[in-house]
N, C-alpha and C. Protein backbone atom coordinates (compact mmCIF):
# COMPACT_ATOMS: atom_id res chain seq x y z
N MET A 1 11.96 -26.85 89.25
CA MET A 1 13.48 -26.22 88.91
C MET A 1 14.36 -26.88 89.45
N THR A 2 15.99 -27.19 89.16
CA THR A 2 16.83 -27.43 89.97
C THR A 2 17.60 -26.00 90.11
N GLU A 3 18.32 -26.30 90.85
CA GLU A 3 19.20 -24.85 91.14
C GLU A 3 20.19 -24.57 90.04
N ASN A 4 20.87 -25.61 89.29
CA ASN A 4 21.51 -25.32 87.65
C ASN A 4 20.39 -24.64 87.56
N GLU A 5 19.01 -25.26 86.65
CA GLU A 5 18.63 -24.48 85.91
C GLU A 5 17.81 -23.35 86.22
N GLN A 6 17.76 -23.01 87.58
CA GLN A 6 17.52 -21.43 87.76
C GLN A 6 18.31 -20.79 87.90
N ARG A 7 19.65 -21.02 87.71
CA ARG A 7 21.05 -20.32 87.95
C ARG A 7 21.13 -20.05 86.14
N ASN A 8 21.05 -21.09 85.05
CA ASN A 8 21.01 -21.08 83.89
C ASN A 8 19.66 -19.85 83.68
N THR A 9 18.54 -19.71 83.83
CA THR A 9 17.79 -19.11 83.63
C THR A 9 17.54 -17.48 83.93
N SER A 10 18.47 -17.40 85.21
CA SER A 10 18.82 -16.10 85.53
C SER A 10 19.94 -15.38 85.09
N ALA A 11 21.31 -16.30 84.24
CA ALA A 11 22.13 -15.73 83.62
C ALA A 11 21.61 -15.13 81.67
N ASN A 12 20.23 -16.22 82.05
CA ASN A 12 19.76 -15.75 80.55
C ASN A 12 18.69 -14.76 80.42
N GLN A 13 18.36 -14.31 81.42
CA GLN A 13 17.13 -13.07 81.55
C GLN A 13 18.56 -12.03 81.76
N THR A 14 19.56 -12.22 82.32
CA THR A 14 20.57 -10.63 82.31
C THR A 14 21.28 -10.69 81.37
N GLY A 15 21.33 -12.01 80.09
CA GLY A 15 22.24 -11.49 78.68
C GLY A 15 21.05 -10.71 78.17
N HIS A 16 19.87 -11.34 78.50
CA HIS A 16 18.81 -10.74 77.55
C HIS A 16 18.47 -9.19 77.92
N LYS A 17 18.80 -8.67 78.86
CA LYS A 17 18.87 -7.23 79.72
C LYS A 17 20.18 -6.63 78.86
N ALA A 18 20.99 -7.40 79.39
CA ALA A 18 22.43 -6.53 78.63
C ALA A 18 22.42 -6.37 77.40
N ILE A 19 21.74 -7.26 76.37
CA ILE A 19 21.50 -6.99 74.70
C ILE A 19 20.41 -5.49 74.81
N GLU A 20 19.40 -5.61 75.69
CA GLU A 20 18.44 -4.46 75.24
C GLU A 20 19.27 -3.34 75.85
N VAL A 21 20.06 -3.09 76.66
CA VAL A 21 20.66 -1.98 77.31
C VAL A 21 21.44 -1.43 75.99
N LEU A 22 22.41 -1.91 75.44
CA LEU A 22 23.27 -1.78 74.43
C LEU A 22 22.77 -1.71 73.26
N ALA A 23 21.52 -2.57 72.60
CA ALA A 23 20.44 -1.32 71.53
C ALA A 23 20.02 -0.30 71.78
N SER A 24 19.49 0.04 73.21
CA SER A 24 19.15 1.40 73.67
C SER A 24 20.00 2.54 73.39
N LYS A 25 21.61 2.11 73.63
CA LYS A 25 22.38 2.86 73.45
C LYS A 25 23.29 2.96 71.96
N LEU A 26 23.05 1.99 71.19
CA LEU A 26 24.34 1.83 70.07
C LEU A 26 22.77 1.76 68.63
N ASP A 27 23.45 2.61 67.76
CA ASP A 27 22.35 2.34 66.41
C ASP A 27 23.32 1.43 65.54
N ILE A 28 22.07 0.60 65.18
CA ILE A 28 22.85 -0.97 64.71
C ILE A 28 23.30 -0.17 63.72
N VAL A 29 22.49 0.62 62.56
CA VAL A 29 22.54 1.20 60.98
C VAL A 29 24.18 1.65 61.46
N ASP A 30 24.97 2.01 62.54
CA ASP A 30 25.87 2.75 62.17
C ASP A 30 27.03 1.89 62.43
N ILE A 31 27.13 0.53 62.92
CA ILE A 31 27.57 0.07 63.39
C ILE A 31 27.74 -1.22 62.48
N VAL A 32 26.60 -1.30 61.34
CA VAL A 32 26.50 -2.45 60.25
C VAL A 32 27.27 -1.71 59.80
N SER A 33 26.91 -0.40 59.17
CA SER A 33 27.24 -0.05 57.99
C SER A 33 29.10 0.16 58.23
N ASP A 34 30.00 0.16 59.38
CA ASP A 34 31.39 0.26 59.56
C ASP A 34 31.78 -1.22 58.81
N TYR A 35 30.88 -2.45 58.56
CA TYR A 35 31.44 -3.70 58.15
C TYR A 35 30.94 -3.77 56.68
N MET A 36 29.96 -2.83 56.26
CA MET A 36 29.46 -3.44 54.57
C MET A 36 28.48 -2.11 54.51
N PRO A 37 28.46 -1.75 52.93
CA PRO A 37 27.90 -0.53 52.30
C PRO A 37 25.96 -1.04 52.79
N LEU A 38 25.65 0.35 53.17
CA LEU A 38 23.83 0.20 53.66
C LEU A 38 23.41 0.80 52.23
N VAL A 39 22.37 1.14 52.07
CA VAL A 39 21.76 2.10 51.13
C VAL A 39 19.96 2.46 51.83
N LYS A 40 19.65 2.91 52.33
CA LYS A 40 18.39 3.53 52.96
C LYS A 40 17.35 2.79 51.53
N ASP A 41 16.63 2.55 52.38
CA ASP A 41 15.37 1.96 51.43
C ASP A 41 13.76 1.83 52.22
N GLY A 42 13.12 3.14 52.14
CA GLY A 42 12.26 3.65 53.34
C GLY A 42 12.98 3.95 54.41
N ASP A 43 11.95 3.16 55.31
CA ASP A 43 12.21 2.88 56.62
C ASP A 43 13.73 2.06 57.12
N SER A 44 14.28 1.35 56.30
CA SER A 44 15.39 0.34 57.00
C SER A 44 16.51 0.68 55.75
N TRP A 45 17.18 -0.05 55.82
CA TRP A 45 18.69 0.07 55.11
C TRP A 45 19.07 -1.34 54.58
N VAL A 46 19.84 -1.39 53.83
CA VAL A 46 19.92 -2.60 52.63
C VAL A 46 21.05 -2.67 52.16
N GLY A 47 21.72 -4.01 52.23
CA GLY A 47 22.92 -4.20 51.63
C GLY A 47 23.23 -5.61 51.47
N GLU A 48 24.11 -6.10 50.79
CA GLU A 48 24.51 -7.59 50.36
C GLU A 48 24.92 -7.57 51.69
N CYS A 49 24.45 -8.89 52.12
CA CYS A 49 24.77 -9.91 53.31
C CYS A 49 26.15 -10.15 53.48
N ILE A 50 27.34 -9.74 54.44
CA ILE A 50 28.49 -9.74 54.03
C ILE A 50 28.44 -11.16 55.53
N LEU A 51 27.24 -11.50 55.94
CA LEU A 51 28.03 -13.02 56.51
C LEU A 51 27.39 -14.21 55.90
N CYS A 52 26.55 -13.82 54.98
CA CYS A 52 26.68 -15.12 54.09
C CYS A 52 27.15 -15.02 52.42
N GLY A 53 26.99 -13.57 52.17
CA GLY A 53 27.77 -13.37 50.66
C GLY A 53 26.59 -13.71 49.64
N LYS A 54 24.91 -14.11 49.98
CA LYS A 54 24.56 -14.55 48.96
C LYS A 54 23.03 -13.83 49.11
N GLY A 55 22.60 -13.26 50.23
CA GLY A 55 21.30 -12.57 50.06
C GLY A 55 21.56 -10.95 50.68
N ASN A 56 20.51 -10.57 50.57
CA ASN A 56 20.53 -9.21 51.20
C ASN A 56 19.97 -8.92 52.83
N LEU A 57 20.45 -8.32 53.35
CA LEU A 57 20.83 -8.11 54.54
C LEU A 57 19.97 -6.61 54.82
N THR A 58 18.75 -6.64 55.48
CA THR A 58 18.06 -5.42 55.71
C THR A 58 18.21 -5.05 57.66
N VAL A 59 18.70 -3.82 57.29
CA VAL A 59 18.63 -3.17 59.14
C VAL A 59 17.27 -2.31 59.15
N TYR A 60 16.52 -2.38 60.55
CA TYR A 60 15.58 -2.06 61.13
C TYR A 60 16.16 -1.31 62.10
N PRO A 61 16.06 0.20 61.97
CA PRO A 61 16.80 0.71 62.88
C PRO A 61 15.69 1.27 63.87
N THR A 62 14.27 0.89 63.83
CA THR A 62 13.45 1.18 64.69
C THR A 62 13.36 0.40 65.76
N ASN A 63 13.45 -0.89 65.22
CA ASN A 63 13.91 -1.92 66.34
C ASN A 63 15.24 -2.76 66.66
N GLN A 64 16.02 -1.95 66.13
CA GLN A 64 17.24 -2.36 66.29
C GLN A 64 17.36 -3.60 66.01
N ASN A 65 17.11 -4.23 64.79
CA ASN A 65 17.17 -5.60 64.25
C ASN A 65 17.53 -5.86 63.17
N TRP A 66 18.10 -7.17 62.48
CA TRP A 66 18.36 -7.11 61.12
C TRP A 66 17.29 -8.56 60.69
N THR A 67 17.63 -8.37 59.07
CA THR A 67 17.19 -9.85 58.36
C THR A 67 17.87 -10.03 57.54
N CYS A 68 18.01 -11.33 56.72
CA CYS A 68 19.08 -11.46 55.57
C CYS A 68 17.77 -12.59 54.84
N ASP A 69 17.68 -12.07 54.06
CA ASP A 69 16.52 -13.48 52.93
C ASP A 69 17.11 -14.67 52.66
N HIS A 70 18.39 -14.48 53.26
CA HIS A 70 19.25 -16.46 52.69
C HIS A 70 19.96 -16.60 54.01
N CYS A 71 20.52 -16.00 54.77
CA CYS A 71 21.22 -16.96 55.58
C CYS A 71 20.20 -16.93 56.96
N THR A 72 20.72 -17.72 58.04
CA THR A 72 19.89 -18.57 59.48
C THR A 72 20.48 -17.85 60.62
N VAL A 73 21.05 -17.11 60.15
CA VAL A 73 21.87 -16.36 61.11
C VAL A 73 21.11 -15.87 62.78
N GLU A 74 21.01 -16.59 63.77
CA GLU A 74 20.11 -16.02 65.06
C GLU A 74 21.22 -15.59 66.14
N PRO A 75 21.26 -14.73 67.07
CA PRO A 75 20.02 -14.08 67.15
C PRO A 75 20.29 -12.64 66.07
N ARG A 76 18.60 -12.03 65.55
CA ARG A 76 19.42 -10.93 64.64
C ARG A 76 19.05 -9.91 65.55
N HIS A 77 20.11 -9.43 66.61
CA HIS A 77 20.19 -7.76 67.24
C HIS A 77 21.63 -7.52 66.87
N LEU A 78 21.98 -6.71 67.09
CA LEU A 78 22.96 -6.35 67.05
C LEU A 78 24.71 -6.93 67.67
N VAL A 79 24.08 -7.61 68.66
CA VAL A 79 25.18 -8.96 69.56
C VAL A 79 24.98 -9.85 68.73
N GLY A 80 24.23 -10.06 67.92
CA GLY A 80 24.10 -11.14 67.24
C GLY A 80 25.23 -11.15 66.10
N PHE A 81 24.78 -9.85 65.60
CA PHE A 81 25.27 -10.11 64.22
C PHE A 81 27.21 -9.63 64.39
N LEU A 82 27.23 -8.93 65.19
CA LEU A 82 29.03 -8.82 65.78
C LEU A 82 29.40 -9.96 66.18
N THR A 83 28.92 -10.93 66.87
CA THR A 83 29.22 -12.06 66.87
C THR A 83 29.25 -13.26 65.88
N THR A 84 28.74 -13.11 65.22
CA THR A 84 28.96 -13.79 63.90
C THR A 84 29.87 -12.96 63.42
N MET A 85 29.95 -12.30 62.80
CA MET A 85 30.94 -11.47 62.18
C MET A 85 32.62 -11.91 62.56
N PHE A 86 32.55 -11.99 63.98
CA PHE A 86 33.96 -12.20 64.07
C PHE A 86 34.53 -13.88 65.03
N SER A 87 33.48 -14.90 64.50
CA SER A 87 33.15 -15.76 64.75
C SER A 87 34.15 -16.98 64.67
N ASP A 88 34.99 -16.15 63.18
CA ASP A 88 35.85 -17.48 62.55
C ASP A 88 37.05 -16.74 63.07
N GLU A 89 37.29 -15.46 63.64
CA GLU A 89 38.72 -14.80 64.14
C GLU A 89 39.23 -15.36 64.89
């Protein structure tokens, strides 16, 4: 592995660790519900996807992730949601 590849791998691992720390300190349901209405559905919360406007966005508080049955936005954690929300601004 080249020195540049090692630096990129290290930075990627640091980024993943930062996302894990954020997820452990923030509640994805609280944050997402600031941008779109959510309704409790069993262990998850559901609302019309504000990212694509075509599907249902489901938020899973137990693993701090979300899915949409239509859009293909990745990654599906809080930082990915917020990055996509504000990417056009």
